[in-house]
Amino acid sequence: MPNLVPMVQIDLDKERHLKFDLNALCEIEILTGQSFSDLDASMQTIRIVLWAGLIHEDADLTLQDVGKLIHGGNLAEVNRAVSEAFGATMPDGDADAEPAKNPNSSTGLDSGPSGATI
């Protein structure tokens, strides 16, 4: 079976690979009690997200194990790698698709002072 979910390499205690498949996303929601779209940026959430992205290659990895891998010196790298892995997992919008038009919205062409007031 081909690996359909992209992975992002991250160097922690050793070379590891983040992968956010549906199982990882469900684990994040279960442990945080938050919808994926509502995640906060707390330290607990960062640890949970990193753990969920790593367990595909090490099922014995615990939250405490992952917490020992994160420190002030690599927190920015962890955030970068997690962001990249999430970005690689999420579908891109269709760049060629035209946005839906709201017939009640203004284009702004008729806004501002009228010619009579200038």
PDB file of N, CA and C in Angstrom:
ATOM      1  N   MET A   1       0.850  -1.179   0.000  1.00  0.00           N
ATOM      2  CA  MET A   1       0.000   0.000   0.000  1.00  0.00           C
ATOM      3  C   MET A   1       0.894   1.239   0.000  1.00  0.00           C
ATOM      4  N   PRO A   2       0.686   2.130  -0.940  1.00  0.00           N
ATOM      5  CA  PRO A   2       1.548   3.320  -1.008  1.00  0.00           C
ATOM      6  C   PRO A   2       1.292   4.269   0.156  1.00  0.00           C
ATOM      7  N   ASN A   3       2.328   5.016   0.515  1.00  0.00           N
ATOM      8  CA  ASN A   3       2.200   6.006   1.576  1.00  0.00           C
ATOM      9  C   ASN A   3       1.593   7.265   0.972  1.00  0.00           C
ATOM     10  N   LEU A   4       0.337   7.509   1.219  1.00  0.00           N
ATOM     11  CA  LEU A   4      -0.366   8.627   0.614  1.00  0.00           C
ATOM     12  C   LEU A   4      -0.234   9.924   1.394  1.00  0.00           C
ATOM     13  N   VAL A   5       0.141   9.818   2.662  1.00  0.00           N
ATOM     14  CA  VAL A   5       0.251  11.002   3.506  1.00  0.00           C
ATOM     15  C   VAL A   5       1.711  11.440   3.537  1.00  0.00           C
ATOM     16  N   PRO A   6       2.006  12.681   3.134  1.00  0.00           N
ATOM     17  CA  PRO A   6       3.390  13.154   3.140  1.00  0.00           C
ATOM     18  C   PRO A   6       3.965  13.191   4.547  1.00  0.00           C
ATOM     19  N   MET A   7       5.267  13.001   4.621  1.00  0.00           N
ATOM     20  CA  MET A   7       5.961  13.057   5.911  1.00  0.00           C
ATOM     21  C   MET A   7       7.016  14.154   5.858  1.00  0.00           C
ATOM     22  N   VAL A   8       7.324  14.714   7.016  1.00  0.00           N
ATOM     23  CA  VAL A   8       8.328  15.761   7.146  1.00  0.00           C
ATOM     24  C   VAL A   8       9.369  15.287   8.157  1.00  0.00           C
ATOM     25  N   GLN A   9      10.628  15.355   7.753  1.00  0.00           N
ATOM     26  CA  GLN A   9      11.720  14.938   8.635  1.00  0.00           C
ATOM     27  C   GLN A   9      11.957  15.979   9.716  1.00  0.00           C
ATOM     28  N   ILE A  10      12.235  15.484  10.914  1.00  0.00           N
ATOM     29  CA  ILE A  10      12.608  16.354  12.028  1.00  0.00           C
ATOM     30  C   ILE A  10      13.699  15.640  12.815  1.00  0.00           C
ATOM     31  N   ASP A  11      14.730  16.381  13.178  1.00  0.00           N
ATOM     32  CA  ASP A  11      15.816  15.822  13.972  1.00  0.00           C
ATOM     33  C   ASP A  11      15.573  16.144  15.433  1.00  0.00           C
ATOM     34  N   LEU A  12      15.321  15.107  16.212  1.00  0.00           N
ATOM     35  CA  LEU A  12      15.101  15.265  17.645  1.00  0.00           C
ATOM     36  C   LEU A  12      16.206  14.477  18.347  1.00  0.00           C
ATOM     37  N   ASP A  13      15.868  13.399  19.026  1.00  0.00           N
ATOM     38  CA  ASP A  13      16.890  12.526  19.595  1.00  0.00           C
ATOM     39  C   ASP A  13      17.568  11.717  18.504  1.00  0.00           C
ATOM     40  N   LYS A  14      16.864  11.589  17.376  1.00  0.00           N
ATOM     41  CA  LYS A  14      17.344  10.933  16.168  1.00  0.00           C
ATOM     42  C   LYS A  14      16.475  11.454  15.026  1.00  0.00           C
ATOM     43  N   GLU A  15      16.764  11.048  13.826  1.00  0.00           N
ATOM     44  CA  GLU A  15      15.931  11.464  12.700  1.00  0.00           C
ATOM     45  C   GLU A  15      14.569  10.799  12.842  1.00  0.00           C
ATOM     46  N   ARG A  16      13.544  11.616  12.830  1.00  0.00           N
ATOM     47  CA  ARG A  16      12.169  11.126  12.918  1.00  0.00           C
ATOM     48  C   ARG A  16      11.374  11.755  11.787  1.00  0.00           C
ATOM     49  N   HIS A  17      10.139  11.273  11.603  1.00  0.00           N
ATOM     50  CA  HIS A  17       9.306  11.750  10.499  1.00  0.00           C
ATOM     51  C   HIS A  17       7.891  12.022  10.995  1.00  0.00           C
ATOM     52  N   LEU A  18       7.435  13.241  10.806  1.00  0.00           N
ATOM     53  CA  LEU A  18       6.073  13.628  11.189  1.00  0.00           C
ATOM     54  C   LEU A  18       5.101  13.239  10.084  1.00  0.00           C
ATOM     55  N   LYS A  19       3.984  12.669  10.486  1.00  0.00           N
ATOM     56  CA  LYS A  19       2.934  12.322   9.527  1.00  0.00           C
ATOM     57  C   LYS A  19       1.600  12.549  10.213  1.00  0.00           C
ATOM     58  N   PHE A  20       0.761  13.363   9.585  1.00  0.00           N
ATOM     59  CA  PHE A  20      -0.550  13.667  10.150  1.00  0.00           C
ATOM     60  C   PHE A  20      -1.646  13.064   9.280  1.00  0.00           C
ATOM     61  N   ASP A  21      -1.810  11.746   9.432  1.00  0.00           N
ATOM     62  CA  ASP A  21      -2.913  11.071   8.763  1.00  0.00           C
ATOM     63  C   ASP A  21      -4.168  11.218   9.629  1.00  0.00           C
ATOM     64  N   LEU A  22      -5.249  10.613   9.208  1.00  0.00           N
ATOM     65  CA  LEU A  22      -6.498  10.753   9.952  1.00  0.00           C
ATOM     66  C   LEU A  22      -6.368  10.211  11.370  1.00  0.00           C
ATOM     67  N   ASN A  23      -5.623   9.133  11.544  1.00  0.00           N
ATOM     68  CA  ASN A  23      -5.428   8.589  12.888  1.00  0.00           C
ATOM     69  C   ASN A  23      -4.753   9.612  13.797  1.00  0.00           C
ATOM     70  N   ALA A  24      -3.732  10.270  13.299  1.00  0.00           N
ATOM     71  CA  ALA A  24      -3.034  11.285  14.096  1.00  0.00           C
ATOM     72  C   ALA A  24      -3.969  12.438  14.437  1.00  0.00           C
ATOM     73  N   LEU A  25      -4.742  12.891  13.467  1.00  0.00           N
ATOM     74  CA  LEU A  25      -5.663  14.006  13.718  1.00  0.00           C
ATOM     75  C   LEU A  25      -6.726  13.629  14.743  1.00  0.00           C
ATOM     76  N   CYS A  26      -7.205  12.391  14.690  1.00  0.00           N
ATOM     77  CA  CYS A  26      -8.186  11.931  15.685  1.00  0.00           C
ATOM     78  C   CYS A  26      -7.561  11.870  17.074  1.00  0.00           C
ATOM     79  N   GLU A  27      -6.327  11.389  17.174  1.00  0.00           N
ATOM     80  CA  GLU A  27      -5.647  11.337  18.474  1.00  0.00           C
ATOM     81  C   GLU A  27      -5.519  12.741  19.066  1.00  0.00           C
ATOM     82  N   ILE A  28      -5.205  13.714  18.215  1.00  0.00           N
ATOM     83  CA  ILE A  28      -5.084  15.099  18.677  1.00  0.00           C
ATOM     84  C   ILE A  28      -6.414  15.576  19.249  1.00  0.00           C
ATOM     85  N   GLU A  29      -7.498  15.327  18.523  1.00  0.00           N
ATOM     86  CA  GLU A  29      -8.815  15.765  19.000  1.00  0.00           C
ATOM     87  C   GLU A  29      -9.228  15.040  20.276  1.00  0.00           C
ATOM     88  N   ILE A  30      -8.933  13.749  20.371  1.00  0.00           N
ATOM     89  CA  ILE A  30      -9.291  12.980  21.567  1.00  0.00           C
ATOM     90  C   ILE A  30      -8.548  13.520  22.791  1.00  0.00           C
ATOM     91  N   LEU A  31      -7.238  13.714  22.659  1.00  0.00           N
ATOM     92  CA  LEU A  31      -6.436  14.113  23.812  1.00  0.00           C
ATOM     93  C   LEU A  31      -6.607  15.582  24.203  1.00  0.00           C
ATOM     94  N   THR A  32      -6.875  16.449  23.223  1.00  0.00           N
ATOM     95  CA  THR A  32      -7.041  17.862  23.561  1.00  0.00           C
ATOM     96  C   THR A  32      -8.484  18.197  23.907  1.00  0.00           C
ATOM     97  N   GLY A  33      -9.419  17.378  23.448  1.00  0.00           N
ATOM     98  CA  GLY A  33     -10.824  17.686  23.644  1.00  0.00           C
ATOM     99  C   GLY A  33     -11.283  18.842  22.773  1.00  0.00           C
ATOM    100  N   GLN A  34     -10.460  19.183  21.783  1.00  0.00           N
ATOM    101  CA  GLN A  34     -10.769  20.307  20.889  1.00  0.00           C
ATOM    102  C   GLN A  34     -10.882  19.814  19.455  1.00  0.00           C
ATOM    103  N   SER A  35     -11.707  20.482  18.692  1.00  0.00           N
ATOM    104  CA  SER A  35     -11.761  20.241  17.264  1.00  0.00           C
ATOM    105  C   SER A  35     -10.419  20.629  16.666  1.00  0.00           C
ATOM    106  N   PHE A  36     -10.016  19.943  15.639  1.00  0.00           N
ATOM    107  CA  PHE A  36      -8.738  20.225  14.994  1.00  0.00           C
ATOM    108  C   PHE A  36      -8.612  21.707  14.628  1.00  0.00           C
ATOM    109  N   SER A  37      -9.699  22.302  14.155  1.00  0.00           N
ATOM    110  CA  SER A  37      -9.656  23.708  13.730  1.00  0.00           C
ATOM    111  C   SER A  37      -9.602  24.689  14.900  1.00  0.00           C
ATOM    112  N   ASP A  38      -9.844  24.209  16.125  1.00  0.00           N
ATOM    113  CA  ASP A  38      -9.863  25.085  17.296  1.00  0.00           C
ATOM    114  C   ASP A  38      -8.656  24.914  18.216  1.00  0.00           C
ATOM    115  N   LEU A  39      -7.621  24.227  17.775  1.00  0.00           N
ATOM    116  CA  LEU A  39      -6.477  23.950  18.647  1.00  0.00           C
ATOM    117  C   LEU A  39      -5.820  25.227  19.134  1.00  0.00           C
ATOM    118  N   ASP A  40      -5.409  25.206  20.399  1.00  0.00           N
ATOM    119  CA  ASP A  40      -4.679  26.339  20.952  1.00  0.00           C
ATOM    120  C   ASP A  40      -3.181  26.063  20.833  1.00  0.00           C
ATOM    121  N   ALA A  41      -2.373  26.982  21.252  1.00  0.00           N
ATOM    122  CA  ALA A  41      -0.918  26.846  21.129  1.00  0.00           C
ATOM    123  C   ALA A  41      -0.266  26.623  22.490  1.00  0.00           C
ATOM    124  N   SER A  42      -0.953  25.926  23.381  1.00  0.00           N
ATOM    125  CA  SER A  42      -0.390  25.668  24.705  1.00  0.00           C
ATOM    126  C   SER A  42       0.742  24.643  24.600  1.00  0.00           C
ATOM    127  N   MET A  43       1.546  24.570  25.621  1.00  0.00           N
ATOM    128  CA  MET A  43       2.637  23.593  25.648  1.00  0.00           C
ATOM    129  C   MET A  43       2.084  22.168  25.598  1.00  0.00           C
ATOM    130  N   GLN A  44       0.966  21.928  26.285  1.00  0.00           N
ATOM    131  CA  GLN A  44       0.349  20.596  26.243  1.00  0.00           C
ATOM    132  C   GLN A  44      -0.066  20.236  24.822  1.00  0.00           C
ATOM    133  N   THR A  45      -0.651  21.183  24.123  1.00  0.00           N
ATOM    134  CA  THR A  45      -1.097  20.932  22.755  1.00  0.00           C
ATOM    135  C   THR A  45       0.100  20.673  21.843  1.00  0.00           C
ATOM    136  N   ILE A  46       1.156  21.440  21.995  1.00  0.00           N
ATOM    137  CA  ILE A  46       2.357  21.224  21.174  1.00  0.00           C
ATOM    138  C   ILE A  46       2.891  19.812  21.390  1.00  0.00           C
ATOM    139  N   ARG A  47       2.946  19.380  22.637  1.00  0.00           N
ATOM    140  CA  ARG A  47       3.445  18.034  22.945  1.00  0.00           C
ATOM    141  C   ARG A  47       2.525  16.972  22.345  1.00  0.00           C
ATOM    142  N   ILE A  48       1.219  17.143  22.469  1.00  0.00           N
ATOM    143  CA  ILE A  48       0.259  16.183  21.924  1.00  0.00           C
ATOM    144  C   ILE A  48       0.368  16.116  20.400  1.00  0.00           C
ATOM    145  N   VAL A  49       0.445  17.271  19.756  1.00  0.00           N
ATOM    146  CA  VAL A  49       0.520  17.316  18.292  1.00  0.00           C
ATOM    147  C   VAL A  49       1.795  16.629  17.806  1.00  0.00           C
ATOM    148  N   LEU A  50       2.916  16.921  18.432  1.00  0.00           N
ATOM    149  CA  LEU A  50       4.170  16.283  18.034  1.00  0.00           C
ATOM    150  C   LEU A  50       4.080  14.771  18.238  1.00  0.00           C
ATOM    151  N   TRP A  51       3.567  14.348  19.389  1.00  0.00           N
ATOM    152  CA  TRP A  51       3.401  12.917  19.660  1.00  0.00           C
ATOM    153  C   TRP A  51       2.539  12.246  18.588  1.00  0.00           C
ATOM    154  N   ALA A  52       1.396  12.856  18.277  1.00  0.00           N
ATOM    155  CA  ALA A  52       0.478  12.266  17.302  1.00  0.00           C
ATOM    156  C   ALA A  52       1.127  12.138  15.929  1.00  0.00           C
ATOM    157  N   GLY A  53       1.981  13.086  15.585  1.00  0.00           N
ATOM    158  CA  GLY A  53       2.665  13.036  14.296  1.00  0.00           C
ATOM    159  C   GLY A  53       3.798  12.031  14.238  1.00  0.00           C
ATOM    160  N   LEU A  54       4.259  11.567  15.407  1.00  0.00           N
ATOM    161  CA  LEU A  54       5.399  10.643  15.452  1.00  0.00           C
ATOM    162  C   LEU A  54       5.012   9.190  15.710  1.00  0.00           C
ATOM    163  N   ILE A  55       3.845   8.922  16.267  1.00  0.00           N
ATOM    164  CA  ILE A  55       3.529   7.555  16.687  1.00  0.00           C
ATOM    165  C   ILE A  55       3.373   6.573  15.532  1.00  0.00           C
ATOM    166  N   HIS A  56       3.222   7.054  14.316  1.00  0.00           N
ATOM    167  CA  HIS A  56       3.103   6.130  13.182  1.00  0.00           C
ATOM    168  C   HIS A  56       4.370   5.297  13.020  1.00  0.00           C
ATOM    169  N   GLU A  57       5.532   5.823  13.445  1.00  0.00           N
ATOM    170  CA  GLU A  57       6.769   5.062  13.288  1.00  0.00           C
ATOM    171  C   GLU A  57       7.317   4.536  14.614  1.00  0.00           C
ATOM    172  N   ASP A  58       6.673   4.873  15.732  1.00  0.00           N
ATOM    173  CA  ASP A  58       7.089   4.378  17.040  1.00  0.00           C
ATOM    174  C   ASP A  58       5.862   4.336  17.953  1.00  0.00           C
ATOM    175  N   ALA A  59       5.132   3.230  17.878  1.00  0.00           N
ATOM    176  CA  ALA A  59       3.874   3.101  18.621  1.00  0.00           C
ATOM    177  C   ALA A  59       4.075   3.097  20.132  1.00  0.00           C
ATOM    178  N   ASP A  60       5.304   2.843  20.592  1.00  0.00           N
ATOM    179  CA  ASP A  60       5.574   2.820  22.030  1.00  0.00           C
ATOM    180  C   ASP A  60       5.910   4.194  22.601  1.00  0.00           C
ATOM    181  N   LEU A  61       6.002   5.199  21.753  1.00  0.00           N
ATOM    182  CA  LEU A  61       6.343   6.557  22.178  1.00  0.00           C
ATOM    183  C   LEU A  61       5.230   7.104  23.070  1.00  0.00           C
ATOM    184  N   THR A  62       5.604   7.663  24.213  1.00  0.00           N
ATOM    185  CA  THR A  62       4.610   8.238  25.124  1.00  0.00           C
ATOM    186  C   THR A  62       4.667   9.765  25.055  1.00  0.00           C
ATOM    187  N   LEU A  63       3.644  10.397  25.612  1.00  0.00           N
ATOM    188  CA  LEU A  63       3.650  11.859  25.704  1.00  0.00           C
ATOM    189  C   LEU A  63       4.854  12.346  26.505  1.00  0.00           C
ATOM    190  N   GLN A  64       5.194  11.630  27.564  1.00  0.00           N
ATOM    191  CA  GLN A  64       6.341  12.026  28.381  1.00  0.00           C
ATOM    192  C   GLN A  64       7.640  11.885  27.596  1.00  0.00           C
ATOM    193  N   ASP A  65       7.751  10.839  26.768  1.00  0.00           N
ATOM    194  CA  ASP A  65       8.927  10.679  25.905  1.00  0.00           C
ATOM    195  C   ASP A  65       9.070  11.883  24.978  1.00  0.00           C
ATOM    196  N   VAL A  66       7.971  12.285  24.380  1.00  0.00           N
ATOM    197  CA  VAL A  66       7.987  13.419  23.448  1.00  0.00           C
ATOM    198  C   VAL A  66       8.312  14.707  24.188  1.00  0.00           C
ATOM    199  N   GLY A  67       7.774  14.864  25.392  1.00  0.00           N
ATOM    200  CA  GLY A  67       8.080  16.054  26.184  1.00  0.00           C
ATOM    201  C   GLY A  67       9.565  16.195  26.456  1.00  0.00           C
ATOM    202  N   LYS A  68      10.267  15.091  26.588  1.00  0.00           N
ATOM    203  CA  LYS A  68      11.712  15.122  26.817  1.00  0.00           C
ATOM    204  C   LYS A  68      12.497  15.512  25.563  1.00  0.00           C
ATOM    205  N   LEU A  69      11.845  15.436  24.405  1.00  0.00           N
ATOM    206  CA  LEU A  69      12.506  15.777  23.142  1.00  0.00           C
ATOM    207  C   LEU A  69      12.402  17.260  22.798  1.00  0.00           C
ATOM    208  N   ILE A  70      11.492  17.961  23.480  1.00  0.00           N
ATOM    209  CA  ILE A  70      11.241  19.370  23.172  1.00  0.00           C
ATOM    210  C   ILE A  70      11.857  20.244  24.259  1.00  0.00           C
ATOM    211  N   HIS A  71      12.566  21.282  23.832  1.00  0.00           N
ATOM    212  CA  HIS A  71      13.157  22.234  24.784  1.00  0.00           C
ATOM    213  C   HIS A  71      13.250  23.593  24.096  1.00  0.00           C
ATOM    214  N   GLY A  72      13.622  24.599  24.844  1.00  0.00           N
ATOM    215  CA  GLY A  72      13.688  25.960  24.304  1.00  0.00           C
ATOM    216  C   GLY A  72      14.569  26.082  23.073  1.00  0.00           C
ATOM    217  N   GLY A  73      15.592  25.258  22.993  1.00  0.00           N
ATOM    218  CA  GLY A  73      16.518  25.339  21.860  1.00  0.00           C
ATOM    219  C   GLY A  73      15.973  24.782  20.558  1.00  0.00           C
ATOM    220  N   ASN A  74      14.939  23.920  20.638  1.00  0.00           N
ATOM    221  CA  ASN A  74      14.408  23.355  19.393  1.00  0.00           C
ATOM    222  C   ASN A  74      12.912  23.611  19.202  1.00  0.00           C
ATOM    223  N   LEU A  75      12.316  24.392  20.088  1.00  0.00           N
ATOM    224  CA  LEU A  75      10.880  24.642  19.991  1.00  0.00           C
ATOM    225  C   LEU A  75      10.499  25.297  18.661  1.00  0.00           C
ATOM    226  N   ALA A  76      11.300  26.225  18.188  1.00  0.00           N
ATOM    227  CA  ALA A  76      11.004  26.876  16.903  1.00  0.00           C
ATOM    228  C   ALA A  76      11.081  25.859  15.760  1.00  0.00           C
ATOM    229  N   GLU A  77      12.056  24.962  15.807  1.00  0.00           N
ATOM    230  CA  GLU A  77      12.188  23.922  14.777  1.00  0.00           C
ATOM    231  C   GLU A  77      11.021  22.946  14.840  1.00  0.00           C
ATOM    232  N   VAL A  78      10.597  22.591  16.033  1.00  0.00           N
ATOM    233  CA  VAL A  78       9.440  21.714  16.194  1.00  0.00           C
ATOM    234  C   VAL A  78       8.210  22.381  15.580  1.00  0.00           C
ATOM    235  N   ASN A  79       7.982  23.642  15.909  1.00  0.00           N
ATOM    236  CA  ASN A  79       6.827  24.367  15.351  1.00  0.00           C
ATOM    237  C   ASN A  79       6.901  24.459  13.836  1.00  0.00           C
ATOM    238  N   ARG A  80       8.093  24.705  13.296  1.00  0.00           N
ATOM    239  CA  ARG A  80       8.262  24.788  11.845  1.00  0.00           C
ATOM    240  C   ARG A  80       7.929  23.453  11.186  1.00  0.00           C
ATOM    241  N   ALA A  81       8.475  22.360  11.724  1.00  0.00           N
ATOM    242  CA  ALA A  81       8.256  21.042  11.147  1.00  0.00           C
ATOM    243  C   ALA A  81       6.785  20.626  11.238  1.00  0.00           C
ATOM    244  N   VAL A  82       6.153  20.905  12.379  1.00  0.00           N
ATOM    245  CA  VAL A  82       4.735  20.584  12.535  1.00  0.00           C
ATOM    246  C   VAL A  82       3.902  21.380  11.532  1.00  0.00           C
ATOM    247  N   SER A  83       4.203  22.665  11.389  1.00  0.00           N
ATOM    248  CA  SER A  83       3.471  23.496  10.422  1.00  0.00           C
ATOM    249  C   SER A  83       3.650  22.982   9.001  1.00  0.00           C
ATOM    250  N   GLU A  84       4.873  22.600   8.667  1.00  0.00           N
ATOM    251  CA  GLU A  84       5.147  22.074   7.328  1.00  0.00           C
ATOM    252  C   GLU A  84       4.396  20.763   7.099  1.00  0.00           C
ATOM    253  N   ALA A  85       4.406  19.890   8.104  1.00  0.00           N
ATOM    254  CA  ALA A  85       3.721  18.608   7.968  1.00  0.00           C
ATOM    255  C   ALA A  85       2.204  18.793   7.849  1.00  0.00           C
ATOM    256  N   PHE A  86       1.641  19.700   8.643  1.00  0.00           N
ATOM    257  CA  PHE A  86       0.213  19.998   8.513  1.00  0.00           C
ATOM    258  C   PHE A  86      -0.086  20.567   7.132  1.00  0.00           C
ATOM    259  N   GLY A  87       0.757  21.478   6.676  1.00  0.00           N
ATOM    260  CA  GLY A  87       0.560  22.083   5.362  1.00  0.00           C
ATOM    261  C   GLY A  87       0.623  21.062   4.246  1.00  0.00           C
ATOM    262  N   ALA A  88       1.515  20.083   4.376  1.00  0.00           N
ATOM    263  CA  ALA A  88       1.644  19.046   3.356  1.00  0.00           C
ATOM    264  C   ALA A  88       0.457  18.096   3.375  1.00  0.00           C
ATOM    265  N   THR A  89      -0.200  17.987   4.513  1.00  0.00           N
ATOM    266  CA  THR A  89      -1.328  17.075   4.673  1.00  0.00           C
ATOM    267  C   THR A  89      -2.629  17.680   4.167  1.00  0.00           C
ATOM    268  N   MET A  90      -2.790  18.983   4.364  1.00  0.00           N
ATOM    269  CA  MET A  90      -4.041  19.640   4.016  1.00  0.00           C
ATOM    270  C   MET A  90      -4.090  19.939   2.522  1.00  0.00           C
ATOM    271  N   PRO A  91      -5.246  19.739   1.901  1.00  0.00           N
ATOM    272  CA  PRO A  91      -5.364  20.003   0.471  1.00  0.00           C
ATOM    273  C   PRO A  91      -5.247  21.489   0.171  1.00  0.00           C
ATOM    274  N   ASP A  92      -4.637  21.789  -0.956  1.00  0.00           N
ATOM    275  CA  ASP A  92      -4.552  23.175  -1.407  1.00  0.00           C
ATOM    276  C   ASP A  92      -5.889  23.579  -2.000  1.00  0.00           C
ATOM    277  N   GLY A  93      -6.200  24.863  -1.902  1.00  0.00           N
ATOM    278  CA  GLY A  93      -7.396  25.369  -2.549  1.00  0.00           C
ATOM    279  C   GLY A  93      -7.188  25.372  -4.052  1.00  0.00           C
ATOM    280  N   ASP A  94      -8.235  25.343  -4.807  1.00  0.00           N
ATOM    281  CA  ASP A  94      -8.147  25.367  -6.263  1.00  0.00           C
ATOM    282  C   ASP A  94      -7.868  26.797  -6.697  1.00  0.00           C
ATOM    283  N   ALA A  95      -6.650  27.057  -7.136  1.00  0.00           N
ATOM    284  CA  ALA A  95      -6.235  28.412  -7.496  1.00  0.00           C
ATOM    285  C   ALA A  95      -6.985  28.934  -8.707  1.00  0.00           C
ATOM    286  N   ASP A  96      -7.485  28.014  -9.551  1.00  0.00           N
ATOM    287  CA  ASP A  96      -8.180  28.438 -10.764  1.00  0.00           C
ATOM    288  C   ASP A  96      -9.668  28.685 -10.536  1.00  0.00           C
ATOM    289  N   ALA A  97     -10.157  28.262  -9.402  1.00  0.00           N
ATOM    290  CA  ALA A  97     -11.582  28.425  -9.131  1.00  0.00           C
ATOM    291  C   ALA A  97     -11.880  29.887  -8.830  1.00  0.00           C
ATOM    292  N   GLU A  98     -12.981  30.366  -9.387  1.00  0.00           N
ATOM    293  CA  GLU A  98     -13.398  31.733  -9.129  1.00  0.00           C
ATOM    294  C   GLU A  98     -14.182  31.777  -7.828  1.00  0.00           C
ATOM    295  N   PRO A  99     -13.911  32.764  -6.978  1.00  0.00           N
ATOM    296  CA  PRO A  99     -14.660  32.835  -5.721  1.00  0.00           C
ATOM    297  C   PRO A  99     -16.142  33.050  -5.991  1.00  0.00           C
ATOM    298  N   ALA A 100     -16.960  32.513  -5.115  1.00  0.00           N
ATOM    299  CA  ALA A 100     -18.400  32.706  -5.243  1.00  0.00           C
ATOM    300  C   ALA A 100     -18.716  34.174  -5.054  1.00  0.00           C
ATOM    301  N   LYS A 101     -19.631  34.647  -5.855  1.00  0.00           N
ATOM    302  CA  LYS A 101     -19.997  36.064  -5.781  1.00  0.00           C
ATOM    303  C   LYS A 101     -21.303  36.217  -5.026  1.00  0.00           C
ATOM    304  N   ASN A 102     -21.304  37.174  -4.110  1.00  0.00           N
ATOM    305  CA  ASN A 102     -22.500  37.488  -3.355  1.00  0.00           C
ATOM    306  C   ASN A 102     -23.192  38.633  -4.090  1.00  0.00           C
ATOM    307  N   PRO A 103     -24.392  38.410  -4.585  1.00  0.00           N
ATOM    308  CA  PRO A 103     -25.072  39.465  -5.349  1.00  0.00           C
ATOM    309  C   PRO A 103     -25.376  40.700  -4.516  1.00  0.00           C
ATOM    310  N   ASN A 104     -25.328  40.588  -3.193  1.00  0.00           N
ATOM    311  CA  ASN A 104     -25.632  41.721  -2.326  1.00  0.00           C
ATOM    312  C   ASN A 104     -24.386  42.462  -1.866  1.00  0.00           C
ATOM    313  N   SER A 105     -23.213  42.003  -2.282  1.00  0.00           N
ATOM    314  CA  SER A 105     -21.992  42.652  -1.813  1.00  0.00           C
ATOM    315  C   SER A 105     -21.604  43.792  -2.734  1.00  0.00           C
ATOM    316  N   SER A 106     -20.906  44.757  -2.186  1.00  0.00           N
ATOM    317  CA  SER A 106     -20.466  45.925  -2.940  1.00  0.00           C
ATOM    318  C   SER A 106     -19.048  45.707  -3.437  1.00  0.00           C
ATOM    319  N   THR A 107     -18.754  46.202  -4.627  1.00  0.00           N
ATOM    320  CA  THR A 107     -17.398  46.124  -5.138  1.00  0.00           C
ATOM    321  C   THR A 107     -16.577  47.303  -4.654  1.00  0.00           C
ATOM    322  N   GLY A 108     -17.233  48.289  -4.056  1.00  0.00           N
ATOM    323  CA  GLY A 108     -16.534  49.471  -3.571  1.00  0.00           C
ATOM    324  C   GLY A 108     -16.436  50.558  -4.621  1.00  0.00           C
ATOM    325  N   LEU A 109     -16.856  50.271  -5.868  1.00  0.00           N
ATOM    326  CA  LEU A 109     -16.732  51.259  -6.932  1.00  0.00           C
ATOM    327  C   LEU A 109     -17.618  52.465  -6.701  1.00  0.00           C
ATOM    328  N   ASP A 110     -18.745  52.257  -6.065  1.00  0.00           N
ATOM    329  CA  ASP A 110     -19.684  53.364  -5.853  1.00  0.00           C
ATOM    330  C   ASP A 110     -19.585  53.941  -4.455  1.00  0.00           C
ATOM    331  N   SER A 111     -18.571  53.560  -3.693  1.00  0.00           N
ATOM    332  CA  SER A 111     -18.468  54.063  -2.341  1.00  0.00           C
ATOM    333  C   SER A 111     -17.695  55.370  -2.326  1.00  0.00           C
ATOM    334  N   GLY A 112     -17.737  56.083  -1.222  1.00  0.00           N
ATOM    335  CA  GLY A 112     -17.027  57.343  -1.102  1.00  0.00           C
ATOM    336  C   GLY A 112     -17.913  58.514  -1.450  1.00  0.00           C
ATOM    337  N   PRO A 113     -17.342  59.698  -1.472  1.00  0.00           N
ATOM    338  CA  PRO A 113     -18.154  60.896  -1.741  1.00  0.00           C
ATOM    339  C   PRO A 113     -18.634  60.909  -3.180  1.00  0.00           C
ATOM    340  N   SER A 114     -19.797  61.436  -3.392  1.00  0.00           N
ATOM    341  CA  SER A 114     -20.316  61.552  -4.763  1.00  0.00           C
ATOM    342  C   SER A 114     -19.644  62.739  -5.429  1.00  0.00           C
ATOM    343  N   GLY A 115     -19.737  62.767  -6.741  1.00  0.00           N
ATOM    344  CA  GLY A 115     -19.124  63.854  -7.507  1.00  0.00           C
ATOM    345  C   GLY A 115     -19.685  65.209  -7.095  1.00  0.00           C
ATOM    346  N   ALA A 116     -20.935  65.256  -6.627  1.00  0.00           N
ATOM    347  CA  ALA A 116     -21.566  66.513  -6.249  1.00  0.00           C
ATOM    348  C   ALA A 116     -20.955  67.109  -4.992  1.00  0.00           C
ATOM    349  N   THR A 117     -20.301  66.280  -4.162  1.00  0.00           N
ATOM    350  CA  THR A 117     -19.761  66.805  -2.926  1.00  0.00           C
ATOM    351  C   THR A 117     -18.289  67.174  -3.034  1.00  0.00           C
ATOM    352  N   ILE A 118     -17.684  66.895  -4.143  1.00  0.00           N
ATOM    353  CA  ILE A 118     -16.261  67.204  -4.288  1.00  0.00           C
ATOM    354  C   ILE A 118     -16.065  68.588  -4.827  1.00  0.00           C
TER     355      ILE A 118
END
